[in-house]
Amino acid sequence: MDKVRVWHYAADGRIYNATKTQVSENGSSWYTVFDSAVSGTYAETAAGRTYTFPVRSVRYVRDYLNGSNKNAGNHWVEIEVWGMRTTAYVGGYLLACCSLAEMRYNESRSLWEVDRWS
């Protein structure tokens, strides 16, 4: 993988606090793709944010938010990952493709689940 694109709610140009996007191959060692504490905050747009980085083996992607200048809520619209493979693992399932619109968060299990997989 060498690119992650993240869309947060952007209709009002809000600025989310403490944003951080990370990737990992094993779920314990994380590579930080973006950290607003280092690179600064930004106003959300309909185009989302694209982060590119040197190609690396990735199985997990995580994106942190801590409220915004509008309210305490955190809102994801979609997360895309780009690389040589077109598959991803989510909640133990191998997916042909997915977006957050096709996923739901299972709070009792603390993971994302999907209805469609290959």
PDB file of N, CA and C in Angstrom:
ATOM      1  N   MET A   1       0.842  -1.164   0.000  1.00  0.00           N
ATOM      2  CA  MET A   1       0.000   0.000   0.000  1.00  0.00           C
ATOM      3  C   MET A   1       0.892   1.232   0.000  1.00  0.00           C
ATOM      4  N   ASP A   2       0.419   2.267  -0.686  1.00  0.00           N
ATOM      5  CA  ASP A   2       1.195   3.503  -0.702  1.00  0.00           C
ATOM      6  C   ASP A   2       0.338   4.758  -0.632  1.00  0.00           C
ATOM      7  N   LYS A   3      -0.980   4.588  -0.436  1.00  0.00           N
ATOM      8  CA  LYS A   3      -1.836   5.769  -0.372  1.00  0.00           C
ATOM      9  C   LYS A   3      -3.096   5.467   0.431  1.00  0.00           C
ATOM     10  N   VAL A   4      -3.492   6.441   1.252  1.00  0.00           N
ATOM     11  CA  VAL A   4      -4.746   6.380   2.003  1.00  0.00           C
ATOM     12  C   VAL A   4      -5.485   7.686   1.739  1.00  0.00           C
ATOM     13  N   ARG A   5      -6.778   7.579   1.439  1.00  0.00           N
ATOM     14  CA  ARG A   5      -7.614   8.776   1.290  1.00  0.00           C
ATOM     15  C   ARG A   5      -8.730   8.676   2.319  1.00  0.00           C
ATOM     16  N   VAL A   6      -8.899   9.752   3.092  1.00  0.00           N
ATOM     17  CA  VAL A   6      -9.874   9.776   4.178  1.00  0.00           C
ATOM     18  C   VAL A   6     -10.849  10.923   3.958  1.00  0.00           C
ATOM     19  N   TRP A   7     -12.138  10.597   4.069  1.00  0.00           N
ATOM     20  CA  TRP A   7     -13.181  11.618   4.034  1.00  0.00           C
ATOM     21  C   TRP A   7     -13.866  11.655   5.391  1.00  0.00           C
ATOM     22  N   HIS A   8     -13.840  12.819   6.024  1.00  0.00           N
ATOM     23  CA  HIS A   8     -14.627  13.062   7.229  1.00  0.00           C
ATOM     24  C   HIS A   8     -15.775  13.986   6.817  1.00  0.00           C
ATOM     25  N   TYR A   9     -16.768  14.132   7.669  1.00  0.00           N
ATOM     26  CA  TYR A   9     -17.867  15.057   7.382  1.00  0.00           C
ATOM     27  C   TYR A   9     -17.275  16.427   7.082  1.00  0.00           C
ATOM     28  N   ALA A  10     -17.716  17.041   5.967  1.00  0.00           N
ATOM     29  CA  ALA A  10     -17.061  18.270   5.516  1.00  0.00           C
ATOM     30  C   ALA A  10     -18.019  19.374   5.096  1.00  0.00           C
ATOM     31  N   ALA A  11     -19.319  19.200   5.249  1.00  0.00           N
ATOM     32  CA  ALA A  11     -20.278  20.177   4.721  1.00  0.00           C
ATOM     33  C   ALA A  11     -20.089  21.580   5.296  1.00  0.00           C
ATOM     34  N   ASP A  12     -19.568  21.684   6.503  1.00  0.00           N
ATOM     35  CA  ASP A  12     -19.399  23.003   7.118  1.00  0.00           C
ATOM     36  C   ASP A  12     -17.930  23.399   7.279  1.00  0.00           C
ATOM     37  N   GLY A  13     -17.014  22.683   6.625  1.00  0.00           N
ATOM     38  CA  GLY A  13     -15.592  23.021   6.681  1.00  0.00           C
ATOM     39  C   GLY A  13     -14.987  22.880   8.067  1.00  0.00           C
ATOM     40  N   ARG A  14     -15.549  21.991   8.860  1.00  0.00           N
ATOM     41  CA  ARG A  14     -15.079  21.845  10.242  1.00  0.00           C
ATOM     42  C   ARG A  14     -13.616  21.400  10.305  1.00  0.00           C
ATOM     43  N   ILE A  15     -13.015  21.662  11.430  1.00  0.00           N
ATOM     44  CA  ILE A  15     -11.635  21.273  11.701  1.00  0.00           C
ATOM     45  C   ILE A  15     -11.659  20.275  12.853  1.00  0.00           C
ATOM     46  N   TYR A  16     -11.250  19.046  12.581  1.00  0.00           N
ATOM     47  CA  TYR A  16     -11.219  18.021  13.626  1.00  0.00           C
ATOM     48  C   TYR A  16      -9.958  18.165  14.468  1.00  0.00           C
ATOM     49  N   ASN A  17     -10.077  17.816  15.730  1.00  0.00           N
ATOM     50  CA  ASN A  17      -8.967  17.911  16.682  1.00  0.00           C
ATOM     51  C   ASN A  17      -8.176  16.605  16.724  1.00  0.00           C
ATOM     52  N   ALA A  18      -6.881  16.735  16.910  1.00  0.00           N
ATOM     53  CA  ALA A  18      -5.999  15.580  17.152  1.00  0.00           C
ATOM     54  C   ALA A  18      -6.190  14.471  16.123  1.00  0.00           C
ATOM     55  N   THR A  19      -6.158  14.821  14.835  1.00  0.00           N
ATOM     56  CA  THR A  19      -6.313  13.804  13.789  1.00  0.00           C
ATOM     57  C   THR A  19      -4.996  13.068  13.574  1.00  0.00           C
ATOM     58  N   LYS A  20      -5.120  11.765  13.374  1.00  0.00           N
ATOM     59  CA  LYS A  20      -3.940  10.947  13.116  1.00  0.00           C
ATOM     60  C   LYS A  20      -4.371   9.747  12.282  1.00  0.00           C
ATOM     61  N   THR A  21      -3.641   9.484  11.199  1.00  0.00           N
ATOM     62  CA  THR A  21      -3.893   8.324  10.352  1.00  0.00           C
ATOM     63  C   THR A  21      -2.648   7.454  10.385  1.00  0.00           C
ATOM     64  N   GLN A  22      -2.843   6.154  10.655  1.00  0.00           N
ATOM     65  CA  GLN A  22      -1.725   5.228  10.768  1.00  0.00           C
ATOM     66  C   GLN A  22      -2.029   3.932  10.031  1.00  0.00           C
ATOM     67  N   VAL A  23      -0.962   3.239   9.618  1.00  0.00           N
ATOM     68  CA  VAL A  23      -1.083   1.934   8.969  1.00  0.00           C
ATOM     69  C   VAL A  23      -0.145   0.952   9.669  1.00  0.00           C
ATOM     70  N   SER A  24      -0.486  -0.340   9.570  1.00  0.00           N
ATOM     71  CA  SER A  24       0.323  -1.365  10.229  1.00  0.00           C
ATOM     72  C   SER A  24       0.187  -2.686   9.491  1.00  0.00           C
ATOM     73  N   GLU A  25       1.238  -3.465   9.522  1.00  0.00           N
ATOM     74  CA  GLU A  25       1.181  -4.814   8.967  1.00  0.00           C
ATOM     75  C   GLU A  25       0.705  -5.814  10.019  1.00  0.00           C
ATOM     76  N   ASN A  26       1.035  -5.555  11.299  1.00  0.00           N
ATOM     77  CA  ASN A  26       0.760  -6.549  12.337  1.00  0.00           C
ATOM     78  C   ASN A  26      -0.207  -6.088  13.427  1.00  0.00           C
ATOM     79  N   GLY A  27      -0.625  -4.836  13.407  1.00  0.00           N
ATOM     80  CA  GLY A  27      -1.556  -4.336  14.413  1.00  0.00           C
ATOM     81  C   GLY A  27      -0.907  -3.898  15.709  1.00  0.00           C
ATOM     82  N   SER A  28       0.423  -3.995  15.798  1.00  0.00           N
ATOM     83  CA  SER A  28       1.104  -3.542  17.011  1.00  0.00           C
ATOM     84  C   SER A  28       2.175  -2.490  16.723  1.00  0.00           C
ATOM     85  N   SER A  29       2.830  -2.551  15.578  1.00  0.00           N
ATOM     86  CA  SER A  29       3.794  -1.526  15.163  1.00  0.00           C
ATOM     87  C   SER A  29       3.113  -0.653  14.115  1.00  0.00           C
ATOM     88  N   TRP A  30       3.019   0.647  14.386  1.00  0.00           N
ATOM     89  CA  TRP A  30       2.254   1.549  13.525  1.00  0.00           C
ATOM     90  C   TRP A  30       3.151   2.574  12.851  1.00  0.00           C
ATOM     91  N   TYR A  31       2.871   2.838  11.573  1.00  0.00           N
ATOM     92  CA  TYR A  31       3.546   3.872  10.790  1.00  0.00           C
ATOM     93  C   TYR A  31       2.567   5.036  10.673  1.00  0.00           C
ATOM     94  N   THR A  32       2.974   6.208  11.125  1.00  0.00           N
ATOM     95  CA  THR A  32       2.100   7.374  11.081  1.00  0.00           C
ATOM     96  C   THR A  32       2.170   8.026   9.708  1.00  0.00           C
ATOM     97  N   VAL A  33       1.023   8.075   9.053  1.00  0.00           N
ATOM     98  CA  VAL A  33       0.891   8.671   7.727  1.00  0.00           C
ATOM     99  C   VAL A  33       0.626  10.168   7.854  1.00  0.00           C
ATOM    100  N   PHE A  34      -0.201  10.550   8.839  1.00  0.00           N
ATOM    101  CA  PHE A  34      -0.500  11.957   9.103  1.00  0.00           C
ATOM    102  C   PHE A  34      -0.768  12.130  10.587  1.00  0.00           C
ATOM    103  N   ASP A  35      -0.264  13.244  11.142  1.00  0.00           N
ATOM    104  CA  ASP A  35      -0.509  13.590  12.539  1.00  0.00           C
ATOM    105  C   ASP A  35      -0.657  15.102  12.622  1.00  0.00           C
ATOM    106  N   SER A  36      -1.851  15.580  12.973  1.00  0.00           N
ATOM    107  CA  SER A  36      -2.081  17.025  13.016  1.00  0.00           C
ATOM    108  C   SER A  36      -1.230  17.707  14.089  1.00  0.00           C
ATOM    109  N   ALA A  37      -0.759  16.970  15.091  1.00  0.00           N
ATOM    110  CA  ALA A  37       0.131  17.552  16.095  1.00  0.00           C
ATOM    111  C   ALA A  37       1.475  17.923  15.481  1.00  0.00           C
ATOM    112  N   VAL A  38       1.841  17.260  14.391  1.00  0.00           N
ATOM    113  CA  VAL A  38       3.106  17.520  13.700  1.00  0.00           C
ATOM    114  C   VAL A  38       2.892  18.423  12.490  1.00  0.00           C
ATOM    115  N   SER A  39       1.879  18.103  11.674  1.00  0.00           N
ATOM    116  CA  SER A  39       1.670  18.787  10.395  1.00  0.00           C
ATOM    117  C   SER A  39       0.632  19.895  10.439  1.00  0.00           C
ATOM    118  N   GLY A  40      -0.084  20.042  11.536  1.00  0.00           N
ATOM    119  CA  GLY A  40      -1.090  21.088  11.667  1.00  0.00           C
ATOM    120  C   GLY A  40      -2.485  20.617  11.287  1.00  0.00           C
ATOM    121  N   THR A  41      -3.479  21.358  11.763  1.00  0.00           N
ATOM    122  CA  THR A  41      -4.873  21.023  11.472  1.00  0.00           C
ATOM    123  C   THR A  41      -5.266  21.573  10.109  1.00  0.00           C
ATOM    124  N   TYR A  42      -6.427  21.164   9.620  1.00  0.00           N
ATOM    125  CA  TYR A  42      -6.915  21.606   8.314  1.00  0.00           C
ATOM    126  C   TYR A  42      -8.433  21.574   8.315  1.00  0.00           C
ATOM    127  N   ALA A  43      -9.044  22.382   7.460  1.00  0.00           N
ATOM    128  CA  ALA A  43     -10.500  22.379   7.298  1.00  0.00           C
ATOM    129  C   ALA A  43     -10.876  21.255   6.340  1.00  0.00           C
ATOM    130  N   GLU A  44     -11.886  20.476   6.716  1.00  0.00           N
ATOM    131  CA  GLU A  44     -12.355  19.374   5.869  1.00  0.00           C
ATOM    132  C   GLU A  44     -12.993  19.915   4.594  1.00  0.00           C
ATOM    133  N   THR A  45     -12.811  19.172   3.494  1.00  0.00           N
ATOM    134  CA  THR A  45     -13.445  19.506   2.218  1.00  0.00           C
ATOM    135  C   THR A  45     -14.075  18.243   1.642  1.00  0.00           C
ATOM    136  N   ALA A  46     -14.931  18.427   0.643  1.00  0.00           N
ATOM    137  CA  ALA A  46     -15.582  17.288  -0.014  1.00  0.00           C
ATOM    138  C   ALA A  46     -14.571  16.393  -0.725  1.00  0.00           C
ATOM    139  N   ALA A  47     -13.384  16.910  -1.027  1.00  0.00           N
ATOM    140  CA  ALA A  47     -12.347  16.130  -1.708  1.00  0.00           C
ATOM    141  C   ALA A  47     -11.651  15.149  -0.768  1.00  0.00           C
ATOM    142  N   GLY A  48     -11.829  15.312   0.542  1.00  0.00           N
ATOM    143  CA  GLY A  48     -11.129  14.454   1.492  1.00  0.00           C
ATOM    144  C   GLY A  48      -9.651  14.805   1.558  1.00  0.00           C
ATOM    145  N   ARG A  49      -8.885  13.961   2.213  1.00  0.00           N
ATOM    146  CA  ARG A  49      -7.432  14.143   2.334  1.00  0.00           C
ATOM    147  C   ARG A  49      -6.745  12.891   1.834  1.00  0.00           C
ATOM    148  N   THR A  50      -5.741  13.073   0.984  1.00  0.00           N
ATOM    149  CA  THR A  50      -4.976  11.955   0.450  1.00  0.00           C
ATOM    150  C   THR A  50      -3.572  11.998   1.032  1.00  0.00           C
ATOM    151  N   TYR A  51      -3.134  10.870   1.558  1.00  0.00           N
ATOM    152  CA  TYR A  51      -1.802  10.743   2.131  1.00  0.00           C
ATOM    153  C   TYR A  51      -1.040   9.683   1.349  1.00  0.00           C
ATOM    154  N   THR A  52       0.118  10.043   0.829  1.00  0.00           N
ATOM    155  CA  THR A  52       0.965   9.080   0.128  1.00  0.00           C
ATOM    156  C   THR A  52       2.216   8.838   0.969  1.00  0.00           C
ATOM    157  N   PHE A  53       2.770   7.652   0.822  1.00  0.00           N
ATOM    158  CA  PHE A  53       3.939   7.264   1.605  1.00  0.00           C
ATOM    159  C   PHE A  53       4.646   6.144   0.859  1.00  0.00           C
ATOM    160  N   PRO A  54       5.890   5.823   1.228  1.00  0.00           N
ATOM    161  CA  PRO A  54       6.605   4.738   0.554  1.00  0.00           C
ATOM    162  C   PRO A  54       5.823   3.426   0.661  1.00  0.00           C
ATOM    163  N   VAL A  55       5.859   2.628  -0.392  1.00  0.00           N
ATOM    164  CA  VAL A  55       5.128   1.357  -0.429  1.00  0.00           C
ATOM    165  C   VAL A  55       5.528   0.494   0.761  1.00  0.00           C
ATOM    166  N   ARG A  56       4.516  -0.053   1.434  1.00  0.00           N
ATOM    167  CA  ARG A  56       4.755  -0.935   2.574  1.00  0.00           C
ATOM    168  C   ARG A  56       3.635  -1.952   2.660  1.00  0.00           C
ATOM    169  N   SER A  57       3.921  -3.063   3.288  1.00  0.00           N
ATOM    170  CA  SER A  57       2.914  -4.099   3.505  1.00  0.00           C
ATOM    171  C   SER A  57       1.991  -3.634   4.625  1.00  0.00           C
ATOM    172  N   VAL A  58       0.690  -3.583   4.349  1.00  0.00           N
ATOM    173  CA  VAL A  58      -0.278  -3.060   5.315  1.00  0.00           C
ATOM    174  C   VAL A  58      -1.478  -3.990   5.404  1.00  0.00           C
ATOM    175  N   ARG A  59      -1.877  -4.277   6.627  1.00  0.00           N
ATOM    176  CA  ARG A  59      -3.101  -5.041   6.853  1.00  0.00           C
ATOM    177  C   ARG A  59      -4.138  -4.217   7.605  1.00  0.00           C
ATOM    178  N   TYR A  60      -3.696  -3.239   8.392  1.00  0.00           N
ATOM    179  CA  TYR A  60      -4.589  -2.444   9.230  1.00  0.00           C
ATOM    180  C   TYR A  60      -4.419  -0.960   8.932  1.00  0.00           C
ATOM    181  N   VAL A  61      -5.526  -0.235   8.996  1.00  0.00           N
ATOM    182  CA  VAL A  61      -5.529   1.224   8.875  1.00  0.00           C
ATOM    183  C   VAL A  61      -6.359   1.756  10.033  1.00  0.00           C
ATOM    184  N   ARG A  62      -5.854   2.776  10.711  1.00  0.00           N
ATOM    185  CA  ARG A  62      -6.665   3.410  11.746  1.00  0.00           C
ATOM    186  C   ARG A  62      -6.595   4.920  11.586  1.00  0.00           C
ATOM    187  N   ASP A  63      -7.694   5.562  11.929  1.00  0.00           N
ATOM    188  CA  ASP A  63      -7.831   7.007  11.778  1.00  0.00           C
ATOM    189  C   ASP A  63      -8.453   7.553  13.064  1.00  0.00           C
ATOM    190  N   TYR A  64      -7.725   8.431  13.732  1.00  0.00           N
ATOM    191  CA  TYR A  64      -8.182   9.013  14.992  1.00  0.00           C
ATOM    192  C   TYR A  64      -8.755  10.403  14.766  1.00  0.00           C
ATOM    193  N   LEU A  65      -9.774  10.754  15.534  1.00  0.00           N
ATOM    194  CA  LEU A  65     -10.303  12.114  15.626  1.00  0.00           C
ATOM    195  C   LEU A  65     -10.669  12.337  17.088  1.00  0.00           C
ATOM    196  N   ASN A  66     -10.723  13.609  17.501  1.00  0.00           N
ATOM    197  CA  ASN A  66     -11.131  13.911  18.874  1.00  0.00           C
ATOM    198  C   ASN A  66     -12.029  15.140  18.880  1.00  0.00           C
ATOM    199  N   GLY A  67     -13.204  15.011  18.265  1.00  0.00           N
ATOM    200  CA  GLY A  67     -14.119  16.141  18.190  1.00  0.00           C
ATOM    201  C   GLY A  67     -13.634  17.170  17.180  1.00  0.00           C
ATOM    202  N   SER A  68     -14.366  18.265  17.090  1.00  0.00           N
ATOM    203  CA  SER A  68     -14.020  19.303  16.115  1.00  0.00           C
ATOM    204  C   SER A  68     -14.307  20.685  16.692  1.00  0.00           C
ATOM    205  N   ASN A  69     -14.088  21.699  15.864  1.00  0.00           N
ATOM    206  CA  ASN A  69     -14.411  23.054  16.286  1.00  0.00           C
ATOM    207  C   ASN A  69     -15.922  23.300  16.265  1.00  0.00           C
ATOM    208  N   LYS A  70     -16.721  22.299  15.850  1.00  0.00           N
ATOM    209  CA  LYS A  70     -18.185  22.424  15.806  1.00  0.00           C
ATOM    210  C   LYS A  70     -18.870  21.676  16.949  1.00  0.00           C
ATOM    211  N   ASN A  71     -18.355  20.484  17.299  1.00  0.00           N
ATOM    212  CA  ASN A  71     -18.958  19.690  18.374  1.00  0.00           C
ATOM    213  C   ASN A  71     -17.994  18.574  18.787  1.00  0.00           C
ATOM    214  N   ALA A  72     -18.440  17.731  19.706  1.00  0.00           N
ATOM    215  CA  ALA A  72     -17.582  16.654  20.215  1.00  0.00           C
ATOM    216  C   ALA A  72     -17.647  15.390  19.372  1.00  0.00           C
ATOM    217  N   GLY A  73     -18.474  15.382  18.320  1.00  0.00           N
ATOM    218  CA  GLY A  73     -18.640  14.190  17.495  1.00  0.00           C
ATOM    219  C   GLY A  73     -17.484  13.954  16.534  1.00  0.00           C
ATOM    220  N   ASN A  74     -17.351  12.709  16.114  1.00  0.00           N
ATOM    221  CA  ASN A  74     -16.374  12.302  15.102  1.00  0.00           C
ATOM    222  C   ASN A  74     -17.142  11.640  13.976  1.00  0.00           C
ATOM    223  N   HIS A  75     -16.836  12.008  12.728  1.00  0.00           N
ATOM    224  CA  HIS A  75     -17.653  11.555  11.605  1.00  0.00           C
ATOM    225  C   HIS A  75     -16.789  11.116  10.434  1.00  0.00           C
ATOM    226  N   TRP A  76     -16.882   9.834  10.075  1.00  0.00           N
ATOM    227  CA  TRP A  76     -16.188   9.306   8.912  1.00  0.00           C
ATOM    228  C   TRP A  76     -17.193   9.092   7.795  1.00  0.00           C
ATOM    229  N   VAL A  77     -16.807   9.440   6.589  1.00  0.00           N
ATOM    230  CA  VAL A  77     -17.643   9.205   5.414  1.00  0.00           C
ATOM    231  C   VAL A  77     -17.107   8.000   4.656  1.00  0.00           C
ATOM    232  N   GLU A  78     -15.795   7.988   4.416  1.00  0.00           N
ATOM    233  CA  GLU A  78     -15.186   6.881   3.678  1.00  0.00           C
ATOM    234  C   GLU A  78     -13.684   6.884   3.907  1.00  0.00           C
ATOM    235  N   ILE A  79     -13.087   5.700   3.829  1.00  0.00           N
ATOM    236  CA  ILE A  79     -11.634   5.553   3.845  1.00  0.00           C
ATOM    237  C   ILE A  79     -11.270   4.639   2.690  1.00  0.00           C
ATOM    238  N   GLU A  80     -10.371   5.103   1.829  1.00  0.00           N
ATOM    239  CA  GLU A  80      -9.876   4.288   0.715  1.00  0.00           C
ATOM    240  C   GLU A  80      -8.406   3.989   0.944  1.00  0.00           C
ATOM    241  N   VAL A  81      -7.984   2.804   0.553  1.00  0.00           N
ATOM    242  CA  VAL A  81      -6.570   2.447   0.602  1.00  0.00           C
ATOM    243  C   VAL A  81      -6.140   2.040  -0.797  1.00  0.00           C
ATOM    244  N   TRP A  82      -4.916   2.379  -1.164  1.00  0.00           N
ATOM    245  CA  TRP A  82      -4.414   2.146  -2.508  1.00  0.00           C
ATOM    246  C   TRP A  82      -3.091   1.408  -2.438  1.00  0.00           C
ATOM    247  N   GLY A  83      -2.891   0.509  -3.373  1.00  0.00           N
ATOM    248  CA  GLY A  83      -1.634  -0.205  -3.452  1.00  0.00           C
ATOM    249  C   GLY A  83      -1.695  -1.251  -4.543  1.00  0.00           C
ATOM    250  N   MET A  84      -0.824  -2.222  -4.466  1.00  0.00           N
ATOM    251  CA  MET A  84      -0.735  -3.258  -5.484  1.00  0.00           C
ATOM    252  C   MET A  84      -1.902  -4.240  -5.418  1.00  0.00           C
ATOM    253  N   ARG A  85      -2.439  -4.503  -4.232  1.00  0.00           N
ATOM    254  CA  ARG A  85      -3.530  -5.452  -4.087  1.00  0.00           C
ATOM    255  C   ARG A  85      -4.866  -4.715  -4.053  1.00  0.00           C
ATOM    256  N   THR A  86      -5.916  -5.405  -4.419  1.00  0.00           N
ATOM    257  CA  THR A  86      -7.245  -4.808  -4.386  1.00  0.00           C
ATOM    258  C   THR A  86      -8.109  -5.431  -3.300  1.00  0.00           C
ATOM    259  N   THR A  87      -7.482  -6.130  -2.370  1.00  0.00           N
ATOM    260  CA  THR A  87      -8.227  -6.755  -1.285  1.00  0.00           C
ATOM    261  C   THR A  87      -7.810  -6.163   0.050  1.00  0.00           C
ATOM    262  N   ALA A  88      -8.652  -6.320   1.046  1.00  0.00           N
ATOM    263  CA  ALA A  88      -8.347  -5.819   2.385  1.00  0.00           C
ATOM    264  C   ALA A  88      -8.973  -6.745   3.413  1.00  0.00           C
ATOM    265  N   TYR A  89      -8.375  -6.817   4.584  1.00  0.00           N
ATOM    266  CA  TYR A  89      -8.937  -7.588   5.688  1.00  0.00           C
ATOM    267  C   TYR A  89      -9.650  -6.635   6.640  1.00  0.00           C
ATOM    268  N   VAL A  90     -10.892  -6.927   6.956  1.00  0.00           N
ATOM    269  CA  VAL A  90     -11.653  -6.141   7.921  1.00  0.00           C
ATOM    270  C   VAL A  90     -12.413  -7.119   8.802  1.00  0.00           C
ATOM    271  N   GLY A  91     -12.199  -7.046  10.087  1.00  0.00           N
ATOM    272  CA  GLY A  91     -12.905  -7.932  11.006  1.00  0.00           C
ATOM    273  C   GLY A  91     -12.680  -9.399  10.721  1.00  0.00           C
ATOM    274  N   GLY A  92     -11.516  -9.741  10.155  1.00  0.00           N
ATOM    275  CA  GLY A  92     -11.203 -11.128   9.863  1.00  0.00           C
ATOM    276  C   GLY A  92     -11.698 -11.616   8.522  1.00  0.00           C
ATOM    277  N   TYR A  93     -12.418 -10.771   7.776  1.00  0.00           N
ATOM    278  CA  TYR A  93     -12.926 -11.160   6.462  1.00  0.00           C
ATOM    279  C   TYR A  93     -12.064 -10.555   5.360  1.00  0.00           C
ATOM    280  N   LEU A  94     -11.841 -11.304   4.304  1.00  0.00           N
ATOM    281  CA  LEU A  94     -11.118 -10.809   3.146  1.00  0.00           C
ATOM    282  C   LEU A  94     -12.135 -10.165   2.219  1.00  0.00           C
ATOM    283  N   LEU A  95     -11.966  -8.874   1.959  1.00  0.00           N
ATOM    284  CA  LEU A  95     -12.935  -8.117   1.168  1.00  0.00           C
ATOM    285  C   LEU A  95     -12.431  -7.874  -0.240  1.00  0.00           C
ATOM    286  N   ALA A  96     -13.315  -7.947  -1.212  1.00  0.00           N
ATOM    287  CA  ALA A  96     -12.963  -7.585  -2.581  1.00  0.00           C
ATOM    288  C   ALA A  96     -12.868  -6.076  -2.686  1.00  0.00           C
ATOM    289  N   CYS A  97     -13.782  -5.389  -2.053  1.00  0.00           N
ATOM    290  CA  CYS A  97     -13.751  -3.931  -1.982  1.00  0.00           C
ATOM    291  C   CYS A  97     -14.695  -3.507  -0.882  1.00  0.00           C
ATOM    292  N   CYS A  98     -14.485  -2.411  -0.359  1.00  0.00           N
ATOM    293  CA  CYS A  98     -15.399  -1.962   0.680  1.00  0.00           C
ATOM    294  C   CYS A  98     -15.246  -0.469   0.892  1.00  0.00           C
ATOM    295  N   SER A  99     -16.257   0.127   1.479  1.00  0.00           N
ATOM    296  CA  SER A  99     -16.216   1.507   1.947  1.00  0.00           C
ATOM    297  C   SER A  99     -16.934   1.526   3.283  1.00  0.00           C
ATOM    298  N   LEU A 100     -16.812   2.610   4.016  1.00  0.00           N
ATOM    299  CA  LEU A 100     -17.502   2.670   5.298  1.00  0.00           C
ATOM    300  C   LEU A 100     -19.007   2.578   5.119  1.00  0.00           C
ATOM    301  N   ALA A 101     -19.524   2.944   3.944  1.00  0.00           N
ATOM    302  CA  ALA A 101     -20.958   2.819   3.685  1.00  0.00           C
ATOM    303  C   ALA A 101     -21.388   1.358   3.697  1.00  0.00           C
ATOM    304  N   GLU A 102     -20.463   0.444   3.408  1.00  0.00           N
ATOM    305  CA  GLU A 102     -20.761  -0.986   3.389  1.00  0.00           C
ATOM    306  C   GLU A 102     -20.391  -1.666   4.703  1.00  0.00           C
ATOM    307  N   MET A 103     -19.946  -0.869   5.667  1.00  0.00           N
ATOM    308  CA  MET A 103     -19.461  -1.422   6.921  1.00  0.00           C
ATOM    309  C   MET A 103     -20.259  -0.863   8.088  1.00  0.00           C
ATOM    310  N   ARG A 104     -20.248  -1.561   9.207  1.00  0.00           N
ATOM    311  CA  ARG A 104     -20.856  -1.057  10.428  1.00  0.00           C
ATOM    312  C   ARG A 104     -19.913  -1.396  11.586  1.00  0.00           C
ATOM    313  N   TYR A 105     -19.904  -0.535  12.578  1.00  0.00           N
ATOM    314  CA  TYR A 105     -19.034  -0.748  13.729  1.00  0.00           C
ATOM    315  C   TYR A 105     -19.782  -1.536  14.792  1.00  0.00           C
ATOM    316  N   ASN A 106     -19.217  -2.638  15.227  1.00  0.00           N
ATOM    317  CA  ASN A 106     -19.792  -3.478  16.268  1.00  0.00           C
ATOM    318  C   ASN A 106     -19.131  -3.081  17.584  1.00  0.00           C
ATOM    319  N   GLU A 107     -19.836  -2.269  18.378  1.00  0.00           N
ATOM    320  CA  GLU A 107     -19.244  -1.755  19.614  1.00  0.00           C
ATOM    321  C   GLU A 107     -18.913  -2.861  20.605  1.00  0.00           C
ATOM    322  N   SER A 108     -19.737  -3.897  20.687  1.00  0.00           N
ATOM    323  CA  SER A 108     -19.474  -4.958  21.657  1.00  0.00           C
ATOM    324  C   SER A 108     -18.218  -5.752  21.312  1.00  0.00           C
ATOM    325  N   ARG A 109     -17.866  -5.809  20.029  1.00  0.00           N
ATOM    326  CA  ARG A 109     -16.666  -6.539  19.605  1.00  0.00           C
ATOM    327  C   ARG A 109     -15.516  -5.602  19.255  1.00  0.00           C
ATOM    328  N   SER A 110     -15.754  -4.278  19.230  1.00  0.00           N
ATOM    329  CA  SER A 110     -14.745  -3.265  18.903  1.00  0.00           C
ATOM    330  C   SER A 110     -14.092  -3.512  17.551  1.00  0.00           C
ATOM    331  N   LEU A 111     -14.914  -3.784  16.541  1.00  0.00           N
ATOM    332  CA  LEU A 111     -14.375  -3.941  15.194  1.00  0.00           C
ATOM    333  C   LEU A 111     -15.425  -3.586  14.154  1.00  0.00           C
ATOM    334  N   TRP A 112     -14.934  -3.335  12.945  1.00  0.00           N
ATOM    335  CA  TRP A 112     -15.814  -3.050  11.811  1.00  0.00           C
ATOM    336  C   TRP A 112     -16.246  -4.367  11.196  1.00  0.00           C
ATOM    337  N   GLU A 113     -17.513  -4.450  10.802  1.00  0.00           N
ATOM    338  CA  GLU A 113     -18.043  -5.643  10.164  1.00  0.00           C
ATOM    339  C   GLU A 113     -18.640  -5.267   8.813  1.00  0.00           C
ATOM    340  N   VAL A 114     -18.724  -6.243   7.923  1.00  0.00           N
ATOM    341  CA  VAL A 114     -19.278  -6.006   6.595  1.00  0.00           C
ATOM    342  C   VAL A 114     -20.292  -7.086   6.255  1.00  0.00           C
ATOM    343  N   ASP A 115     -21.181  -6.759   5.337  1.00  0.00           N
ATOM    344  CA  ASP A 115     -22.157  -7.728   4.853  1.00  0.00           C
ATOM    345  C   ASP A 115     -21.681  -8.408   3.585  1.00  0.00           C
ATOM    346  N   ARG A 116     -20.675  -7.837   2.912  1.00  0.00           N
ATOM    347  CA  ARG A 116     -20.223  -8.341   1.621  1.00  0.00           C
ATOM    348  C   ARG A 116     -18.743  -8.661   1.693  1.00  0.00           C
ATOM    349  N   TRP A 117     -18.359  -9.833   1.285  1.00  0.00           N
ATOM    350  CA  TRP A 117     -16.942 -10.200   1.228  1.00  0.00           C
ATOM    351  C   TRP A 117     -16.745 -11.272   0.187  1.00  0.00           C
ATOM    352  N   SER A 118     -15.488 -11.489  -0.183  1.00  0.00           N
ATOM    353  CA  SER A 118     -15.193 -12.543  -1.161  1.00  0.00           C
ATOM    354  C   SER A 118     -14.315 -13.602  -0.530  1.00  0.00           C
TER     355      SER A 118
END
